[in-house]
PDB file of all heavy atoms in Angstrom:
ATOM      1  N   ALA A   1       4.478  13.359   9.700  1.00  0.00           N
ATOM      2  CA  ALA A   1       4.254  12.295   8.713  1.00  0.00           C
ATOM      3  C   ALA A   1       4.125  12.892   7.311  1.00  0.00           C
ATOM      4  O   ALA A   1       3.448  13.894   7.110  1.00  0.00           O
ATOM      5  CB  ALA A   1       3.006  11.505   9.067  1.00  0.00           C
ATOM      6  N   HIS A   2       4.785  12.265   6.334  1.00  0.00           N
ATOM      7  CA  HIS A   2       4.693  12.709   4.942  1.00  0.00           C
ATOM      8  C   HIS A   2       3.381  12.271   4.312  1.00  0.00           C
ATOM      9  O   HIS A   2       2.901  12.914   3.381  1.00  0.00           O
ATOM     10  CB  HIS A   2       5.868  12.158   4.135  1.00  0.00           C
ATOM     11  CG  HIS A   2       7.185  12.694   4.581  1.00  0.00           C
ATOM     12  ND1 HIS A   2       7.590  13.987   4.335  1.00  0.00           N
ATOM     13  CD2 HIS A   2       8.193  12.120   5.282  1.00  0.00           C
ATOM     14  CE1 HIS A   2       8.777  14.184   4.849  1.00  0.00           C
ATOM     15  NE2 HIS A   2       9.180  13.059   5.437  1.00  0.00           N
ATOM     16  N   VAL A   3       2.844  11.150   4.788  1.00  0.00           N
ATOM     17  CA  VAL A   3       1.536  10.668   4.356  1.00  0.00           C
ATOM     18  C   VAL A   3       0.754  10.250   5.601  1.00  0.00           C
ATOM     19  O   VAL A   3       1.336   9.814   6.590  1.00  0.00           O
ATOM     20  CB  VAL A   3       1.633   9.478   3.362  1.00  0.00           C
ATOM     21  CG1 VAL A   3       2.178   9.927   2.028  1.00  0.00           C
ATOM     22  CG2 VAL A   3       2.439   8.338   3.919  1.00  0.00           C
ATOM     23  N   THR A   4      -0.546  10.386   5.536  1.00  0.00           N
ATOM     24  CA  THR A   4      -1.383  10.030   6.678  1.00  0.00           C
ATOM     25  C   THR A   4      -1.619   8.529   6.715  1.00  0.00           C
ATOM     26  O   THR A   4      -1.392   7.829   5.719  1.00  0.00           O
ATOM     27  CB  THR A   4      -2.740  10.746   6.598  1.00  0.00           C
ATOM     28  OG1 THR A   4      -3.477  10.219   5.487  1.00  0.00           O
ATOM     29  CG2 THR A   4      -2.576  12.258   6.451  1.00  0.00           C
ATOM     30  N   HIS A   5      -2.104   8.055   7.856  1.00  0.00           N
ATOM     31  CA  HIS A   5      -2.464   6.638   7.942  1.00  0.00           C
ATOM     32  C   HIS A   5      -3.525   6.305   6.901  1.00  0.00           C
ATOM     33  O   HIS A   5      -3.485   5.247   6.281  1.00  0.00           O
ATOM     34  CB  HIS A   5      -2.992   6.296   9.339  1.00  0.00           C
ATOM     35  CG  HIS A   5      -1.969   6.369  10.421  1.00  0.00           C
ATOM     36  ND1 HIS A   5      -0.703   5.841  10.303  1.00  0.00           N
ATOM     37  CD2 HIS A   5      -2.039   6.906  11.670  1.00  0.00           C
ATOM     38  CE1 HIS A   5      -0.031   6.043  11.417  1.00  0.00           C
ATOM     39  NE2 HIS A   5      -0.823   6.693  12.263  1.00  0.00           N
ATOM     40  N   GLY A   6      -4.470   7.209   6.698  1.00  0.00           N
ATOM     41  CA  GLY A   6      -5.527   6.975   5.717  1.00  0.00           C
ATOM     42  C   GLY A   6      -4.991   6.822   4.307  1.00  0.00           C
ATOM     43  O   GLY A   6      -5.436   5.963   3.552  1.00  0.00           O
ATOM     44  N   GLN A   7      -4.024   7.653   3.935  1.00  0.00           N
ATOM     45  CA  GLN A   7      -3.422   7.543   2.606  1.00  0.00           C
ATOM     46  C   GLN A   7      -2.688   6.211   2.447  1.00  0.00           C
ATOM     47  O   GLN A   7      -2.757   5.574   1.397  1.00  0.00           O
ATOM     48  CB  GLN A   7      -2.453   8.698   2.368  1.00  0.00           C
ATOM     49  CG  GLN A   7      -3.128  10.039   2.196  1.00  0.00           C
ATOM     50  CD  GLN A   7      -2.095  11.146   2.134  1.00  0.00           C
ATOM     51  OE1 GLN A   7      -1.365  11.380   3.091  1.00  0.00           O
ATOM     52  NE2 GLN A   7      -2.038  11.811   0.993  1.00  0.00           N
ATOM     53  N   VAL A   8      -1.989   5.798   3.497  1.00  0.00           N
ATOM     54  CA  VAL A   8      -1.270   4.525   3.455  1.00  0.00           C
ATOM     55  C   VAL A   8      -2.258   3.368   3.301  1.00  0.00           C
ATOM     56  O   VAL A   8      -2.040   2.457   2.496  1.00  0.00           O
ATOM     57  CB  VAL A   8      -0.389   4.344   4.712  1.00  0.00           C
ATOM     58  CG1 VAL A   8       0.200   2.941   4.773  1.00  0.00           C
ATOM     59  CG2 VAL A   8       0.717   5.395   4.742  1.00  0.00           C
ATOM     60  N   ILE A   9      -3.348   3.407   4.052  1.00  0.00           N
ATOM     61  CA  ILE A   9      -4.345   2.330   3.970  1.00  0.00           C
ATOM     62  C   ILE A   9      -4.992   2.308   2.584  1.00  0.00           C
ATOM     63  O   ILE A   9      -5.222   1.237   2.020  1.00  0.00           O
ATOM     64  CB  ILE A   9      -5.387   2.453   5.099  1.00  0.00           C
ATOM     65  CG1 ILE A   9      -4.721   2.295   6.467  1.00  0.00           C
ATOM     66  CG2 ILE A   9      -6.529   1.464   4.903  1.00  0.00           C
ATOM     67  CD1 ILE A   9      -3.948   0.988   6.667  1.00  0.00           C
ATOM     68  N   GLU A  10      -5.268   3.481   2.006  1.00  0.00           N
ATOM     69  CA  GLU A  10      -5.798   3.509   0.638  1.00  0.00           C
ATOM     70  C   GLU A  10      -4.836   2.827  -0.336  1.00  0.00           C
ATOM     71  O   GLU A  10      -5.262   2.034  -1.179  1.00  0.00           O
ATOM     72  CB  GLU A  10      -6.029   4.951   0.169  1.00  0.00           C
ATOM     73  CG  GLU A  10      -7.350   5.513   0.557  1.00  0.00           C
ATOM     74  CD  GLU A  10      -7.627   6.844  -0.111  1.00  0.00           C
ATOM     75  OE1 GLU A  10      -6.699   7.512  -0.607  1.00  0.00           O
ATOM     76  OE2 GLU A  10      -8.804   7.219  -0.135  1.00  0.00           O
ATOM     77  N   ALA A  11      -3.551   3.144  -0.228  1.00  0.00           N
ATOM     78  CA  ALA A  11      -2.557   2.519  -1.109  1.00  0.00           C
ATOM     79  C   ALA A  11      -2.489   1.023  -0.865  1.00  0.00           C
ATOM     80  O   ALA A  11      -2.362   0.233  -1.814  1.00  0.00           O
ATOM     81  CB  ALA A  11      -1.191   3.166  -0.897  1.00  0.00           C
ATOM     82  N   LEU A  12      -2.589   0.613   0.390  1.00  0.00           N
ATOM     83  CA  LEU A  12      -2.542  -0.816   0.700  1.00  0.00           C
ATOM     84  C   LEU A  12      -3.772  -1.533   0.140  1.00  0.00           C
ATOM     85  O   LEU A  12      -3.661  -2.643  -0.392  1.00  0.00           O
ATOM     86  CB  LEU A  12      -2.434  -1.019   2.212  1.00  0.00           C
ATOM     87  CG  LEU A  12      -2.016  -2.400   2.693  1.00  0.00           C
ATOM     88  CD1 LEU A  12      -0.748  -2.883   2.020  1.00  0.00           C
ATOM     89  CD2 LEU A  12      -1.842  -2.394   4.202  1.00  0.00           C
ATOM     90  N   VAL A  13      -4.933  -0.909   0.208  1.00  0.00           N
ATOM     91  CA  VAL A  13      -6.139  -1.474  -0.403  1.00  0.00           C
ATOM     92  C   VAL A  13      -5.938  -1.603  -1.911  1.00  0.00           C
ATOM     93  O   VAL A  13      -6.276  -2.626  -2.511  1.00  0.00           O
ATOM     94  CB  VAL A  13      -7.383  -0.612  -0.069  1.00  0.00           C
ATOM     95  CG1 VAL A  13      -8.570  -0.994  -0.948  1.00  0.00           C
ATOM     96  CG2 VAL A  13      -7.745  -0.739   1.401  1.00  0.00           C
ATOM     97  N   ALA A  14      -5.369  -0.567  -2.529  1.00  0.00           N
ATOM     98  CA  ALA A  14      -5.106  -0.616  -3.973  1.00  0.00           C
ATOM     99  C   ALA A  14      -4.166  -1.767  -4.306  1.00  0.00           C
ATOM    100  O   ALA A  14      -4.362  -2.468  -5.305  1.00  0.00           O
ATOM    101  CB  ALA A  14      -4.522   0.711  -4.444  1.00  0.00           C
ATOM    102  N   ASN A  15      -3.156  -1.975  -3.468  1.00  0.00           N
ATOM    103  CA  ASN A  15      -2.243  -3.089  -3.695  1.00  0.00           C
ATOM    104  C   ASN A  15      -2.977  -4.419  -3.615  1.00  0.00           C
ATOM    105  O   ASN A  15      -2.814  -5.289  -4.466  1.00  0.00           O
ATOM    106  CB  ASN A  15      -1.099  -3.056  -2.682  1.00  0.00           C
ATOM    107  CG  ASN A  15      -0.277  -4.330  -2.730  1.00  0.00           C
ATOM    108  OD1 ASN A  15      -0.454  -5.216  -1.909  1.00  0.00           O
ATOM    109  ND2 ASN A  15       0.588  -4.432  -3.714  1.00  0.00           N
ATOM    110  N   ARG A  16      -3.788  -4.593  -2.581  1.00  0.00           N
ATOM    111  CA  ARG A  16      -4.513  -5.853  -2.402  1.00  0.00           C
ATOM    112  C   ARG A  16      -5.436  -6.124  -3.578  1.00  0.00           C
ATOM    113  O   ARG A  16      -5.660  -7.274  -3.948  1.00  0.00           O
ATOM    114  CB  ARG A  16      -5.366  -5.832  -1.120  1.00  0.00           C
ATOM    115  CG  ARG A  16      -4.602  -5.641   0.166  1.00  0.00           C
ATOM    116  CD  ARG A  16      -3.734  -6.819   0.493  1.00  0.00           C
ATOM    117  NE  ARG A  16      -2.350  -6.425   0.374  1.00  0.00           N
ATOM    118  CZ  ARG A  16      -1.303  -7.182   0.590  1.00  0.00           C
ATOM    119  NH1 ARG A  16      -1.440  -8.431   0.925  1.00  0.00           N
ATOM    120  NH2 ARG A  16      -0.089  -6.726   0.460  1.00  0.00           N
ATOM    121  N   LEU A  17      -6.013  -5.075  -4.173  1.00  0.00           N
ATOM    122  CA  LEU A  17      -6.989  -5.256  -5.242  1.00  0.00           C
ATOM    123  C   LEU A  17      -6.371  -5.352  -6.637  1.00  0.00           C
ATOM    124  O   LEU A  17      -7.031  -5.808  -7.570  1.00  0.00           O
ATOM    125  CB  LEU A  17      -8.014  -4.119  -5.216  1.00  0.00           C
ATOM    126  CG  LEU A  17      -8.923  -4.091  -3.986  1.00  0.00           C
ATOM    127  CD1 LEU A  17      -9.810  -2.855  -4.010  1.00  0.00           C
ATOM    128  CD2 LEU A  17      -9.769  -5.360  -3.909  1.00  0.00           C
ATOM    129  N   THR A  18      -5.130  -4.905  -6.802  1.00  0.00           N
ATOM    130  CA  THR A  18      -4.530  -4.914  -8.138  1.00  0.00           C
ATOM    131  C   THR A  18      -3.457  -5.978  -8.308  1.00  0.00           C
ATOM    132  O   THR A  18      -3.442  -6.681  -9.315  1.00  0.00           O
ATOM    133  CB  THR A  18      -3.926  -3.542  -8.486  1.00  0.00           C
ATOM    134  OG1 THR A  18      -2.938  -3.201  -7.506  1.00  0.00           O
ATOM    135  CG2 THR A  18      -4.999  -2.463  -8.553  1.00  0.00           C
ATOM    136  N   SER A  19      -2.546  -6.060  -7.357  1.00  0.00           N
ATOM    137  CA  SER A  19      -1.437  -7.007  -7.472  1.00  0.00           C
ATOM    138  C   SER A  19      -0.890  -7.270  -6.077  1.00  0.00           C
ATOM    139  O   SER A  19       0.147  -6.728  -5.697  1.00  0.00           O
ATOM    140  CB  SER A  19      -0.348  -6.429  -8.383  1.00  0.00           C
ATOM    141  OG  SER A  19       0.690  -7.354  -8.555  1.00  0.00           O
ATOM    142  N   PRO A  20      -1.582  -8.077  -5.276  1.00  0.00           N
ATOM    143  CA  PRO A  20      -1.195  -8.268  -3.878  1.00  0.00           C
ATOM    144  C   PRO A  20       0.273  -8.659  -3.727  1.00  0.00           C
ATOM    145  O   PRO A  20       0.775  -9.502  -4.457  1.00  0.00           O
ATOM    146  CB  PRO A  20      -2.108  -9.398  -3.401  1.00  0.00           C
ATOM    147  CG  PRO A  20      -3.272  -9.375  -4.336  1.00  0.00           C
ATOM    148  CD  PRO A  20      -2.726  -8.904  -5.654  1.00  0.00           C
ATOM    149  N   ALA A  21       0.910  -7.988  -2.776  1.00  0.00           N
ATOM    150  CA  ALA A  21       2.320  -8.250  -2.512  1.00  0.00           C
ATOM    151  C   ALA A  21       2.537  -8.286  -1.009  1.00  0.00           C
ATOM    152  O   ALA A  21       1.803  -7.635  -0.260  1.00  0.00           O
ATOM    153  CB  ALA A  21       3.179  -7.148  -3.140  1.00  0.00           C
ATOM    154  N   PRO A  22       3.546  -9.029  -0.546  1.00  0.00           N
ATOM    155  CA  PRO A  22       3.889  -8.978   0.877  1.00  0.00           C
ATOM    156  C   PRO A  22       4.256  -7.539   1.261  1.00  0.00           C
ATOM    157  O   PRO A  22       4.697  -6.757   0.411  1.00  0.00           O
ATOM    158  CB  PRO A  22       5.099  -9.904   0.995  1.00  0.00           C
ATOM    159  CG  PRO A  22       5.133 -10.703  -0.253  1.00  0.00           C
ATOM    160  CD  PRO A  22       4.425  -9.917  -1.297  1.00  0.00           C
ATOM    161  N   LEU A  23       4.121  -7.195   2.527  1.00  0.00           N
ATOM    162  CA  LEU A  23       4.400  -5.825   2.967  1.00  0.00           C
ATOM    163  C   LEU A  23       5.785  -5.348   2.541  1.00  0.00           C
ATOM    164  O   LEU A  23       5.949  -4.181   2.186  1.00  0.00           O
ATOM    165  CB  LEU A  23       4.234  -5.703   4.483  1.00  0.00           C
ATOM    166  CG  LEU A  23       2.815  -5.854   5.027  1.00  0.00           C
ATOM    167  CD1 LEU A  23       2.801  -5.634   6.530  1.00  0.00           C
ATOM    168  CD2 LEU A  23       1.844  -4.928   4.331  1.00  0.00           C
ATOM    169  N   VAL A  24       6.759  -6.231   2.566  1.00  0.00           N
ATOM    170  CA  VAL A  24       8.120  -5.818   2.196  1.00  0.00           C
ATOM    171  C   VAL A  24       8.255  -5.541   0.699  1.00  0.00           C
ATOM    172  O   VAL A  24       9.259  -4.990   0.268  1.00  0.00           O
ATOM    173  CB  VAL A  24       9.190  -6.845   2.639  1.00  0.00           C
ATOM    174  CG1 VAL A  24       9.227  -6.979   4.140  1.00  0.00           C
ATOM    175  CG2 VAL A  24       8.983  -8.192   1.968  1.00  0.00           C
ATOM    176  N   ARG A  25       7.253  -5.878  -0.098  1.00  0.00           N
ATOM    177  CA  ARG A  25       7.296  -5.668  -1.551  1.00  0.00           C
ATOM    178  C   ARG A  25       6.319  -4.587  -2.033  1.00  0.00           C
ATOM    179  O   ARG A  25       6.261  -4.305  -3.230  1.00  0.00           O
ATOM    180  CB  ARG A  25       6.989  -6.970  -2.294  1.00  0.00           C
ATOM    181  CG  ARG A  25       7.968  -8.084  -2.021  1.00  0.00           C
ATOM    182  CD  ARG A  25       9.222  -7.897  -2.845  1.00  0.00           C
ATOM    183  NE  ARG A  25      10.128  -8.999  -2.620  1.00  0.00           N
ATOM    184  CZ  ARG A  25      11.285  -8.884  -2.001  1.00  0.00           C
ATOM    185  NH1 ARG A  25      11.684  -7.721  -1.546  1.00  0.00           N
ATOM    186  NH2 ARG A  25      12.069  -9.926  -1.825  1.00  0.00           N
ATOM    187  N   VAL A  26       5.557  -3.985  -1.153  1.00  0.00           N
ATOM    188  CA  VAL A  26       4.581  -2.970  -1.566  1.00  0.00           C
ATOM    189  C   VAL A  26       5.286  -1.754  -2.161  1.00  0.00           C
ATOM    190  O   VAL A  26       4.825  -1.176  -3.147  1.00  0.00           O
ATOM    191  CB  VAL A  26       3.648  -2.573  -0.394  1.00  0.00           C
ATOM    192  CG1 VAL A  26       2.801  -1.361  -0.745  1.00  0.00           C
ATOM    193  CG2 VAL A  26       2.758  -3.755  -0.026  1.00  0.00           C
ATOM    194  N   GLU A  27       6.412  -1.374  -1.601  1.00  0.00           N
ATOM    195  CA  GLU A  27       7.173  -0.248  -2.159  1.00  0.00           C
ATOM    196  C   GLU A  27       7.586  -0.541  -3.601  1.00  0.00           C
ATOM    197  O   GLU A  27       7.468   0.335  -4.477  1.00  0.00           O
ATOM    198  CB  GLU A  27       8.403   0.034  -1.294  1.00  0.00           C
ATOM    199  CG  GLU A  27       9.216   1.235  -1.730  1.00  0.00           C
ATOM    200  CD  GLU A  27      10.399   1.505  -0.809  1.00  0.00           C
ATOM    201  OE1 GLU A  27      10.482   0.914   0.292  1.00  0.00           O
ATOM    202  OE2 GLU A  27      11.247   2.320  -1.206  1.00  0.00           O
ATOM    203  N   ASP A  28       8.043  -1.759  -3.878  1.00  0.00           N
ATOM    204  CA  ASP A  28       8.398  -2.152  -5.246  1.00  0.00           C
ATOM    205  C   ASP A  28       7.176  -2.112  -6.153  1.00  0.00           C
ATOM    206  O   ASP A  28       7.262  -1.661  -7.307  1.00  0.00           O
ATOM    207  CB  ASP A  28       9.009  -3.555  -5.276  1.00  0.00           C
ATOM    208  CG  ASP A  28      10.316  -3.646  -4.502  1.00  0.00           C
ATOM    209  OD1 ASP A  28      10.988  -2.608  -4.336  1.00  0.00           O
ATOM    210  OD2 ASP A  28      10.652  -4.763  -4.046  1.00  0.00           O
ATOM    211  N   TRP A  29       6.048  -2.595  -5.648  1.00  0.00           N
ATOM    212  CA  TRP A  29       4.798  -2.536  -6.411  1.00  0.00           C
ATOM    213  C   TRP A  29       4.471  -1.091  -6.767  1.00  0.00           C
ATOM    214  O   TRP A  29       4.122  -0.781  -7.905  1.00  0.00           O
ATOM    215  CB  TRP A  29       3.668  -3.178  -5.589  1.00  0.00           C
ATOM    216  CG  TRP A  29       2.302  -2.827  -6.071  1.00  0.00           C
ATOM    217  CD1 TRP A  29       1.619  -3.400  -7.108  1.00  0.00           C
ATOM    218  CD2 TRP A  29       1.430  -1.824  -5.539  1.00  0.00           C
ATOM    219  NE1 TRP A  29       0.380  -2.807  -7.250  1.00  0.00           N
ATOM    220  CE2 TRP A  29       0.247  -1.839  -6.294  1.00  0.00           C
ATOM    221  CE3 TRP A  29       1.539  -0.906  -4.490  1.00  0.00           C
ATOM    222  CZ2 TRP A  29      -0.816  -0.972  -6.043  1.00  0.00           C
ATOM    223  CZ3 TRP A  29       0.490  -0.048  -4.232  1.00  0.00           C
ATOM    224  CH2 TRP A  29      -0.684  -0.086  -5.009  1.00  0.00           C
TER     225      TRP A  29
END
């Protein structure tokens, strides 16, 4: 894995708290 599950979850939390996007749009975010 290039990133751990923990790193991914941190990024997902950041997405939810800054500019929530559907999962298919998190990469764009």
